[in-house]
């Protein structure tokens, strides 16, 4: 088992010192989904939600969340993100919207948390904008699809979603 990097020798929580790490191009892709009633999905796709364009608002929220991750997750380093992309993939057959976020930078620490946060906040924004139509919407399956760069190299998820263990 790997030692916990966020604990000092006395077991106190600390932010990891990345000052001596080499800079490299780092990219992370995360995914998740939000399920809803088919009628709600139709309203979103037809831009008939009274609060406005749901997916474009969620896209902006996801980008903003990626940039603010260090303000939300205590041990995350503030990062100078150079790219953030949020895409939506509606699935009418399963009455859900799949969300994908890609975040990148050249730096000393990865952007996995930023990509995961972007997906989460994009999904929460969809929920917020549509809750008056469908309170039973469910956010699920948020996972790291891939990451590259840094000492640990490349990671690719073995599946297209979380696996129950």
Protein backbone atom coordinates (compact mmCIF):
# COMPACT_ATOMS: atom_id res chain seq x y z
CA UNK A 1 0.00 0.00 0.00
CA UNK A 2 1.23 3.50 -0.82
CA UNK A 3 2.02 5.93 2.00
CA UNK A 4 -0.47 8.73 2.38
CA UNK A 5 1.14 11.81 0.84
CA UNK A 6 -1.16 14.25 2.62
CA UNK A 7 -0.01 13.21 6.12
CA UNK A 8 3.22 14.24 7.80
CA UNK A 9 5.28 11.95 10.08
CA UNK A 10 3.02 12.80 13.03
CA UNK A 11 -0.16 12.04 11.07
CA UNK A 12 -1.17 15.67 10.59
CA UNK A 13 -2.84 16.68 7.35
CA UNK A 14 -0.69 18.76 5.00
CA UNK A 15 -0.64 19.98 1.45
CA UNK A 16 1.94 18.06 -0.57
CA UNK A 17 5.01 20.09 -1.57
CA UNK A 18 5.24 19.85 -5.36
CA UNK A 19 7.97 22.51 -5.65
CA UNK A 20 10.69 20.04 -6.64
CA UNK A 21 8.59 18.12 -9.17
CA UNK A 22 9.31 18.55 -12.86
CA UNK A 23 6.76 20.37 -14.95
CA UNK A 24 4.99 18.31 -17.59
CA UNK A 25 1.90 18.53 -19.74
CA UNK A 26 -0.96 17.10 -17.70
CA UNK A 27 -4.40 16.21 -18.98
CA UNK A 28 -7.33 14.62 -17.17
CA UNK A 29 -10.71 13.51 -18.52
CA UNK A 30 -13.65 12.76 -16.21
CA UNK A 31 -17.17 11.58 -16.94
CA UNK A 32 -20.50 11.33 -15.19
CA UNK A 33 -24.19 11.47 -15.96
CA UNK A 34 -27.52 12.83 -14.86
CA UNK A 35 -30.67 10.76 -15.38
CA UNK A 36 -34.08 12.34 -15.70
CA UNK A 37 -37.60 11.91 -17.00
CA UNK A 38 -37.75 11.75 -20.79
CA UNK A 39 -39.93 14.87 -20.83
CA UNK A 40 -37.24 16.79 -18.91
CA UNK A 41 -34.56 15.66 -21.37
CA UNK A 42 -36.82 16.84 -24.20
CA UNK A 43 -37.23 20.27 -22.60
CA UNK A 44 -33.44 20.59 -22.29
CA UNK A 45 -32.77 19.50 -25.86
CA UNK A 46 -35.52 21.73 -27.28
CA UNK A 47 -34.30 24.67 -25.13
CA UNK A 48 -37.73 24.93 -23.49
CA UNK A 49 -36.51 25.30 -19.90
CA UNK A 50 -37.77 28.55 -18.41
CA UNK A 51 -34.41 29.33 -16.76
CA UNK A 52 -32.61 29.40 -20.13
CA UNK A 53 -30.15 27.30 -22.12
CA UNK A 54 -29.36 24.49 -19.67
CA UNK A 55 -26.38 22.91 -21.39
CA UNK A 56 -24.55 26.15 -22.15
CA UNK A 57 -25.09 27.32 -18.58
CA UNK A 58 -23.83 23.96 -17.27
CA UNK A 59 -20.81 24.19 -19.60
CA UNK A 60 -19.88 27.60 -18.16
CA UNK A 61 -20.44 26.33 -14.60
CA UNK A 62 -18.18 23.33 -15.26
CA UNK A 63 -15.35 25.51 -16.55
CA UNK A 64 -15.72 27.86 -13.59
CA UNK A 65 -15.69 24.90 -11.19
CA UNK A 66 -12.48 23.51 -12.70
CA UNK A 67 -10.84 26.89 -12.08
CA UNK A 68 -12.11 27.05 -8.48
CA UNK A 69 -11.37 23.46 -7.38
CA UNK A 70 -8.66 24.51 -4.89
CA UNK A 71 -11.29 26.64 -3.13
CA UNK A 72 -13.51 23.58 -2.64
CA UNK A 73 -11.14 20.65 -1.99
CA UNK A 74 -8.87 21.41 0.98
CA UNK A 75 -5.58 19.83 -0.16
CA UNK A 76 -5.78 20.76 -3.86
CA UNK A 77 -3.17 23.17 -5.16
CA UNK A 78 -4.37 26.35 -6.86
CA UNK A 79 -3.58 25.73 -10.53
CA UNK A 80 -3.14 27.86 -13.61
CA UNK A 81 -5.35 25.76 -15.88
CA UNK A 82 -4.66 26.36 -19.56
CA UNK A 83 -7.65 24.48 -21.01
CA UNK A 84 -11.05 23.22 -19.87
CA UNK A 85 -13.67 21.57 -22.06
CA UNK A 86 -17.12 20.33 -21.04
CA UNK A 87 -19.20 18.27 -23.48
CA UNK A 88 -22.68 16.77 -23.18
CA UNK A 89 -23.93 13.57 -24.77
CA UNK A 90 -27.69 13.18 -24.46
CA UNK A 91 -28.89 9.56 -24.44
CA UNK A 92 -32.61 9.47 -25.19
CA UNK A 93 -32.79 5.67 -24.90
CA UNK A 94 -31.64 5.84 -21.25
CA UNK A 95 -33.15 9.29 -20.56
CA UNK A 96 -29.91 10.82 -19.35
CA UNK A 97 -27.14 13.20 -20.28
CA UNK A 98 -23.56 11.99 -20.15
CA UNK A 99 -21.06 14.69 -19.22
CA UNK A 100 -17.37 14.73 -20.11
CA UNK A 101 -14.79 17.23 -18.87
CA UNK A 102 -11.20 17.59 -20.03
CA UNK A 103 -8.78 19.84 -18.16
CA UNK A 104 -5.11 20.46 -18.92
CA UNK A 105 -2.08 22.50 -17.97
CA UNK A 106 1.69 22.36 -17.93
CA UNK A 107 2.68 22.11 -14.30
CA UNK A 108 3.89 20.15 -11.30
CA UNK A 109 0.63 18.49 -10.25
CA UNK A 110 -2.26 16.86 -12.04
CA UNK A 111 -5.73 18.09 -12.91
CA UNK A 112 -7.81 15.03 -12.03
CA UNK A 113 -9.70 16.81 -9.26
CA UNK A 114 -10.41 19.75 -11.55
CA UNK A 115 -11.93 17.47 -14.22
CA UNK A 116 -14.00 15.58 -11.63
CA UNK A 117 -15.19 18.84 -10.08
CA UNK A 118 -16.14 20.21 -13.50
CA UNK A 119 -18.35 17.18 -14.23
CA UNK A 120 -19.94 17.36 -10.79
CA UNK A 121 -20.81 21.05 -10.99
CA UNK A 122 -22.06 20.77 -14.58
CA UNK A 123 -24.43 18.00 -13.43
CA UNK A 124 -25.51 20.02 -10.40
CA UNK A 125 -26.24 22.99 -12.66
CA UNK A 126 -28.47 20.85 -14.87
CA UNK A 127 -30.27 19.68 -11.75
CA UNK A 128 -30.67 23.23 -10.45
CA UNK A 129 -32.06 24.55 -13.71
CA UNK A 130 -34.55 21.68 -14.15
CA UNK A 131 -35.59 20.79 -10.59
CA UNK A 132 -38.95 22.52 -10.96
CA UNK A 133 -39.81 19.96 -13.67
CA UNK A 134 -38.15 16.86 -12.24
CA UNK A 135 -36.99 16.55 -8.64
CA UNK A 136 -36.11 12.86 -9.13
CA UNK A 137 -33.13 13.55 -11.40
CA UNK A 138 -30.11 11.50 -10.31
CA UNK A 139 -26.44 12.35 -10.70
CA UNK A 140 -24.25 9.26 -10.89
CA UNK A 141 -21.22 7.51 -12.26
CA UNK A 142 -18.65 10.27 -11.85
CA UNK A 143 -15.21 8.81 -12.55
CA UNK A 144 -11.76 9.52 -13.92
CA UNK A 145 -11.68 8.27 -17.50
CA UNK A 146 -8.02 9.07 -18.17
CA UNK A 147 -5.04 11.13 -17.13
CA UNK A 148 -1.61 11.71 -18.55
CA UNK A 149 1.57 13.42 -17.48
CA UNK A 150 3.58 13.49 -14.31
CA UNK A 151 5.56 10.83 -12.51
CA UNK A 152 2.76 8.25 -12.54
CA UNK A 153 2.31 8.54 -16.32
CA UNK A 154 -0.83 7.58 -18.19
CA UNK A 155 -3.98 6.06 -16.70
CA UNK A 156 -6.96 4.81 -18.70
CA UNK A 157 -10.10 3.50 -17.00
CA UNK A 158 -10.75 -0.13 -17.83
CA UNK A 159 -14.48 0.47 -18.29
CA UNK A 160 -16.78 3.21 -19.49
CA UNK A 161 -17.95 3.88 -15.96
CA UNK A 162 -17.65 2.98 -12.32
CA UNK A 163 -17.65 -0.64 -11.34
CA UNK A 164 -19.22 -1.70 -8.05
CA UNK A 165 -16.70 -3.41 -5.80
